[in-house]
Amino acid sequence: MNSVNRKQGDALLEVSDLRVAYDKAEVVHGVDLKVHEGEFVVLLGRNGAGKSSMLHAISGLIPKKTGRVRFAGVDITGADTRTTARAGLVNVLEGHRVFTGLSVEDNLLLGTYAKNPHGDKSKLADIYELFPEIGERRHQLASRLSGGQQQILAVAQGIVGEPRLLILDEPSGGLAPLVVHRILTVAKELTSKGVAILLVEQLVKEALKFADYCYLVEAGTLGGEGTAEEVKQGELIRRIYLGGAQAAAA
C-alpha cells in the first residue's frame, strides 16, 4: 500500500515507537502512526489486537512502556488525560462512560470544562440539534437513559469540548445502524472544520465509508496502512479478519 493521498505537512498527532505493557506482558509493539489536521483515520483489527491500548496510551489514560507522542508540535508523552484534554485531544472511551448520577445536561457541561472551568451552556444547543434524543432528556439523570442513549451522550460530551482531535473507541456499541451512521456522519462533518478523528470500530464497511486513511492492527503491531480505497481493494485486511470472513460480514 502507498499513501499518495495522505495529507502533507506536519502531523497534528505523531506517535513513534509506542510500546504498552500490562505487568510483564507487552501488548503494543513499537507502533508509529500519524493523524493530520482535518483527517479521518481508522484503526482496524480484530478484538484483542491492541487498538484500545494504543488509544489509551496516546491519551494518557495508561502509561507507556516506551515511545513518544507529540500533539500540535508539543511532546505530551508523559501527560495525563486532563492535560491532553486541555490541549484538545479528547478520548471517548468504549462502553458509554458517563456519570450516571448527573443529568444529561450536567454530563455535557463537564465536556466544556477543559476550555471553560465554569462550564459553557452556550455550546449545548448545537449538540441538542445534532442528537435530539438526548436533548429531549436533558434534565433526566443519565442513569435513566438506555445503553445506546448513554453511548450517544458520551460521544456528544466529547464533541462539545471542541477538540482538535477526537478519539472514538467503538462508538457503535449498543446502537442501531442508523444512529451509528449519524454519529460517524457528524464526525466526518467535524473534519471539514479542521478537527481530526481517530476511530476504532468493528463495523469495518461502515468505518471505511468515512475514513481518509487506515492503519491495520495485528497482534499489537501495524500490519499495514493506506487510504480507505487502498484498504478496501487490498488483501491484507482479509488476512487480518480471519481470511476475509469477518470483514465480509461486518
Protein backbone atom coordinates (compact mmCIF):
# COMPACT_ATOMS: atom_id res chain seq x y z
CA MET A 1 0.00 0.00 0.00
CA ASN A 2 1.17 3.53 -0.65
CA SER A 3 -0.01 6.85 0.75
CA VAL A 4 -0.16 9.14 -2.27
CA ASN A 5 -3.34 10.79 -0.98
CA ARG A 6 -2.04 11.37 2.54
CA LYS A 7 -2.19 14.96 3.76
CA GLN A 8 1.13 16.73 3.51
CA GLY A 9 2.85 18.83 6.17
CA ASP A 10 3.32 18.37 9.89
CA ALA A 11 1.01 15.92 11.63
CA LEU A 12 -1.32 17.05 14.42
CA LEU A 13 -0.66 13.76 16.24
CA GLU A 14 2.59 11.89 15.81
CA VAL A 15 3.25 8.63 17.64
CA SER A 16 6.60 6.88 17.41
CA ASP A 17 7.84 3.55 18.79
CA LEU A 18 4.84 3.19 21.13
CA ARG A 19 5.02 0.15 23.38
CA VAL A 20 2.45 -0.74 26.03
CA ALA A 21 2.69 -3.50 28.64
CA TYR A 22 0.45 -4.83 31.37
CA ASP A 23 2.76 -6.18 34.05
CA LYS A 24 5.34 -8.10 32.01
CA ALA A 25 3.12 -8.76 29.01
CA GLU A 26 3.75 -6.32 26.16
CA VAL A 27 0.58 -5.79 24.11
CA VAL A 28 1.66 -2.97 21.78
CA HIS A 29 4.97 -3.38 19.99
CA GLY A 30 6.72 -0.32 18.58
CA VAL A 31 3.83 1.38 16.78
CA ASP A 32 4.29 4.51 14.64
CA LEU A 33 1.28 6.45 13.38
CA LYS A 34 0.22 9.94 12.38
CA VAL A 35 -3.02 11.89 12.19
CA HIS A 36 -3.20 15.19 10.32
CA GLU A 37 -5.49 18.12 10.99
CA GLY A 38 -8.92 17.55 9.44
CA GLU A 39 -8.16 13.88 8.71
CA PHE A 40 -10.40 10.90 9.50
CA VAL A 41 -8.17 7.98 10.46
CA VAL A 42 -9.39 4.50 11.40
CA LEU A 43 -7.63 1.70 13.28
CA LEU A 44 -8.95 -1.64 12.06
CA GLY A 45 -8.23 -5.05 13.53
CA ARG A 46 -9.72 -7.98 15.39
CA ASN A 47 -10.80 -7.78 19.02
CA GLY A 48 -7.78 -8.07 21.30
CA ALA A 49 -5.35 -6.76 18.69
CA GLY A 50 -4.26 -3.87 20.92
CA LYS A 51 -6.22 -1.00 19.34
CA SER A 52 -7.80 0.33 22.55
CA SER A 53 -4.50 0.02 24.41
CA MET A 54 -2.92 2.24 21.78
CA LEU A 55 -5.65 4.86 22.20
CA HIS A 56 -5.46 4.75 25.99
CA ALA A 57 -1.69 5.21 25.96
CA ILE A 58 -1.85 8.06 23.44
CA SER A 59 -4.37 9.99 25.54
CA GLY A 60 -2.54 9.39 28.83
CA LEU A 61 -5.05 7.00 30.36
CA ILE A 62 -2.45 4.26 30.83
CA PRO A 63 1.36 4.51 30.98
CA LYS A 64 3.61 3.86 28.03
CA LYS A 65 6.44 1.37 28.27
CA THR A 66 8.41 3.29 25.64
CA GLY A 67 7.70 5.69 22.83
CA ARG A 68 6.95 9.31 22.11
CA VAL A 69 3.71 11.17 21.49
CA ARG A 70 3.64 14.67 20.01
CA PHE A 71 0.44 16.69 19.68
CA ALA A 72 0.29 20.03 17.85
CA GLY A 73 4.07 20.17 17.99
CA VAL A 74 4.29 19.58 21.76
CA ASP A 75 5.65 16.45 23.44
CA ILE A 76 2.81 15.01 25.55
CA THR A 77 4.38 11.62 26.17
CA GLY A 78 4.12 11.88 29.95
CA ALA A 79 0.90 13.92 30.11
CA ASP A 80 -2.23 12.70 31.93
CA THR A 81 -5.75 12.75 30.48
CA ARG A 82 -6.63 16.14 31.99
CA THR A 83 -3.60 17.72 30.33
CA THR A 84 -4.23 16.08 26.97
CA ALA A 85 -7.90 17.12 27.06
CA ARG A 86 -6.94 20.73 27.75
CA ALA A 87 -4.59 20.55 24.79
CA GLY A 88 -7.54 19.48 22.61
CA LEU A 89 -7.10 15.69 22.49
CA VAL A 90 -10.36 14.11 23.68
CA ASN A 91 -10.83 10.35 24.04
CA VAL A 92 -14.40 8.96 24.08
CA LEU A 93 -13.97 5.59 25.75
CA GLU A 94 -15.71 2.39 24.76
CA GLY A 95 -18.76 1.40 26.81
CA HIS A 96 -20.67 4.71 27.24
CA ARG A 97 -18.63 6.02 30.18
CA VAL A 98 -20.92 8.74 31.50
CA PHE A 99 -21.72 9.99 35.00
CA THR A 100 -24.99 8.23 35.68
CA GLY A 101 -25.68 10.22 38.85
CA LEU A 102 -25.68 13.50 36.93
CA SER A 103 -28.25 14.85 34.50
CA VAL A 104 -27.70 14.67 30.75
CA GLU A 105 -27.05 18.41 30.67
CA ASP A 106 -24.55 18.29 33.52
CA ASN A 107 -22.70 15.49 31.73
CA LEU A 108 -22.44 17.70 28.67
CA LEU A 109 -21.29 20.68 30.72
CA LEU A 110 -18.45 18.54 32.06
CA GLY A 111 -17.29 18.23 28.47
CA THR A 112 -16.87 22.02 28.26
CA TYR A 113 -14.72 22.33 31.39
CA ALA A 114 -11.42 21.79 29.58
CA LYS A 115 -11.94 25.11 27.78
CA ASN A 116 -14.03 26.88 30.44
CA PRO A 117 -13.64 25.92 34.13
CA HIS A 118 -17.13 27.25 34.87
CA GLY A 119 -18.82 25.33 32.05
CA ASP A 120 -20.36 26.82 28.94
CA LYS A 121 -24.07 26.26 28.32
CA SER A 122 -23.88 28.18 25.04
CA LYS A 123 -22.24 25.11 23.46
CA LEU A 124 -25.17 22.80 24.21
CA ALA A 125 -27.78 24.00 21.72
CA ASP A 126 -25.83 22.65 18.75
CA ILE A 127 -25.42 19.29 20.49
CA TYR A 128 -29.16 19.01 21.14
CA GLU A 129 -29.79 19.75 17.48
CA LEU A 130 -27.34 17.04 16.41
CA PHE A 131 -28.71 14.50 18.89
CA PRO A 132 -32.35 15.38 19.71
CA GLU A 133 -32.86 12.11 21.60
CA ILE A 134 -30.63 13.39 24.41
CA GLY A 135 -31.87 16.96 24.06
CA GLU A 136 -35.35 15.75 24.93
CA ARG A 137 -33.93 14.18 28.09
CA ARG A 138 -31.53 16.93 29.09
CA HIS A 139 -32.91 17.21 32.63
CA GLN A 140 -33.08 13.46 33.28
CA LEU A 141 -30.40 11.53 35.12
CA ALA A 142 -28.05 9.78 32.72
CA SER A 143 -28.84 6.55 34.57
CA ARG A 144 -32.33 6.67 33.07
CA LEU A 145 -31.02 6.59 29.52
CA SER A 146 -30.79 3.36 27.58
CA GLY A 147 -27.34 1.95 26.89
CA GLY A 148 -27.46 3.31 23.35
CA GLN A 149 -28.51 6.76 24.54
CA GLN A 150 -25.67 6.75 27.06
CA GLN A 151 -23.27 6.00 24.22
CA ILE A 152 -24.66 8.96 22.25
CA LEU A 153 -24.23 11.12 25.36
CA ALA A 154 -20.61 10.01 25.71
CA VAL A 155 -19.88 10.94 22.09
CA ALA A 156 -21.72 14.24 22.49
CA GLN A 157 -19.70 15.01 25.61
CA GLY A 158 -16.54 14.59 23.55
CA ILE A 159 -17.78 16.79 20.71
CA VAL A 160 -18.99 19.62 22.96
CA GLY A 161 -15.44 20.05 24.27
CA GLU A 162 -14.41 21.37 20.83
CA PRO A 163 -11.45 19.01 20.44
CA ARG A 164 -8.70 19.35 17.87
CA LEU A 165 -8.50 15.54 17.82
CA LEU A 166 -11.50 13.41 18.76
CA ILE A 167 -10.73 9.77 19.55
CA LEU A 168 -13.73 7.44 19.27
CA ASP A 169 -13.29 3.93 20.64
CA GLU A 170 -16.03 1.58 19.34
CA PRO A 171 -18.86 4.17 19.23
CA SER A 172 -21.23 1.64 17.63
CA GLY A 173 -21.67 -0.37 20.84
CA GLY A 174 -25.37 -0.77 21.66
CA LEU A 175 -26.54 1.49 18.85
CA ALA A 176 -28.85 0.89 15.90
CA PRO A 177 -27.10 1.08 12.50
CA LEU A 178 -28.84 4.34 11.57
CA VAL A 179 -27.62 6.00 14.76
CA VAL A 180 -24.07 4.74 14.17
CA HIS A 181 -24.20 6.18 10.68
CA ARG A 182 -25.35 9.52 12.08
CA ILE A 183 -22.55 9.66 14.66
CA LEU A 184 -19.93 8.93 12.02
CA THR A 185 -21.54 11.47 9.69
CA VAL A 186 -21.28 14.10 12.43
CA ALA A 187 -17.65 13.12 12.99
CA LYS A 188 -16.92 13.43 9.28
CA GLU A 189 -18.52 16.88 9.22
CA LEU A 190 -16.19 17.93 12.04
CA THR A 191 -13.21 17.23 9.79
CA SER A 192 -14.37 19.99 7.43
CA LYS A 193 -13.74 22.36 10.36
CA GLY A 194 -10.22 21.05 10.84
CA VAL A 195 -11.00 18.55 13.62
CA ALA A 196 -9.10 15.28 13.30
CA ILE A 197 -10.83 11.96 14.03
CA LEU A 198 -9.12 8.78 15.21
CA LEU A 199 -11.62 5.92 15.23
CA VAL A 200 -11.55 2.31 16.39
CA GLU A 201 -14.53 0.41 15.01
CA GLN A 202 -15.51 -3.20 14.37
CA LEU A 203 -18.07 -2.24 11.71
CA VAL A 204 -15.43 -2.31 9.01
CA LYS A 205 -17.52 -1.41 5.97
CA GLU A 206 -19.19 1.47 7.79
CA ALA A 207 -15.86 2.83 9.05
CA LEU A 208 -14.31 2.69 5.58
CA LYS A 209 -17.15 4.80 4.17
CA PHE A 210 -15.93 7.74 6.24
CA ALA A 211 -12.18 7.15 6.57
CA ASP A 212 -9.48 9.05 4.75
CA TYR A 213 -6.68 6.81 5.98
CA CYS A 214 -6.45 3.44 7.76
CA TYR A 215 -3.99 1.54 9.90
CA LEU A 216 -4.43 -2.22 10.12
CA VAL A 217 -3.59 -3.60 13.56
CA GLU A 218 -2.50 -7.19 14.05
CA ALA A 219 -1.34 -8.60 17.40
CA GLY A 220 -0.14 -5.26 18.75
CA THR A 221 1.68 -4.17 15.61
CA LEU A 222 0.72 -2.34 12.44
CA GLY A 223 0.23 -4.89 9.68
CA GLY A 224 -0.25 -2.26 7.01
CA GLU A 225 -1.63 1.16 6.19
CA GLY A 226 -3.12 3.08 3.32
CA THR A 227 -6.01 5.17 2.11
CA ALA A 228 -9.51 3.83 2.67
CA GLU A 229 -9.77 2.92 -1.00
CA GLU A 230 -6.46 1.05 -0.93
CA VAL A 231 -7.56 -0.90 2.12
CA LYS A 232 -10.89 -1.82 0.53
CA GLN A 233 -9.10 -3.22 -2.51
CA GLY A 234 -6.23 -4.88 -0.66
CA GLU A 235 -5.76 -8.44 0.53
CA LEU A 236 -4.20 -7.61 3.90
CA ILE A 237 -7.48 -6.70 5.57
CA ARG A 238 -8.96 -10.07 4.59
CA ARG A 239 -6.00 -11.86 6.14
CA ILE A 240 -6.30 -9.86 9.37
CA TYR A 241 -10.02 -10.58 9.57
CA LEU A 242 -9.78 -14.39 9.51
CA GLY A 243 -9.28 -14.81 5.81
CA GLY A 244 -11.95 -12.28 4.92
CA ALA A 245 -14.92 -13.88 6.66
CA GLN A 246 -15.23 -11.30 9.41
CA ALA A 247 -14.59 -8.34 7.09
CA ALA A 248 -17.25 -9.52 4.68
CA ALA A 249 -19.77 -9.90 7.47
CA ALA A 250 -19.02 -6.55 9.12
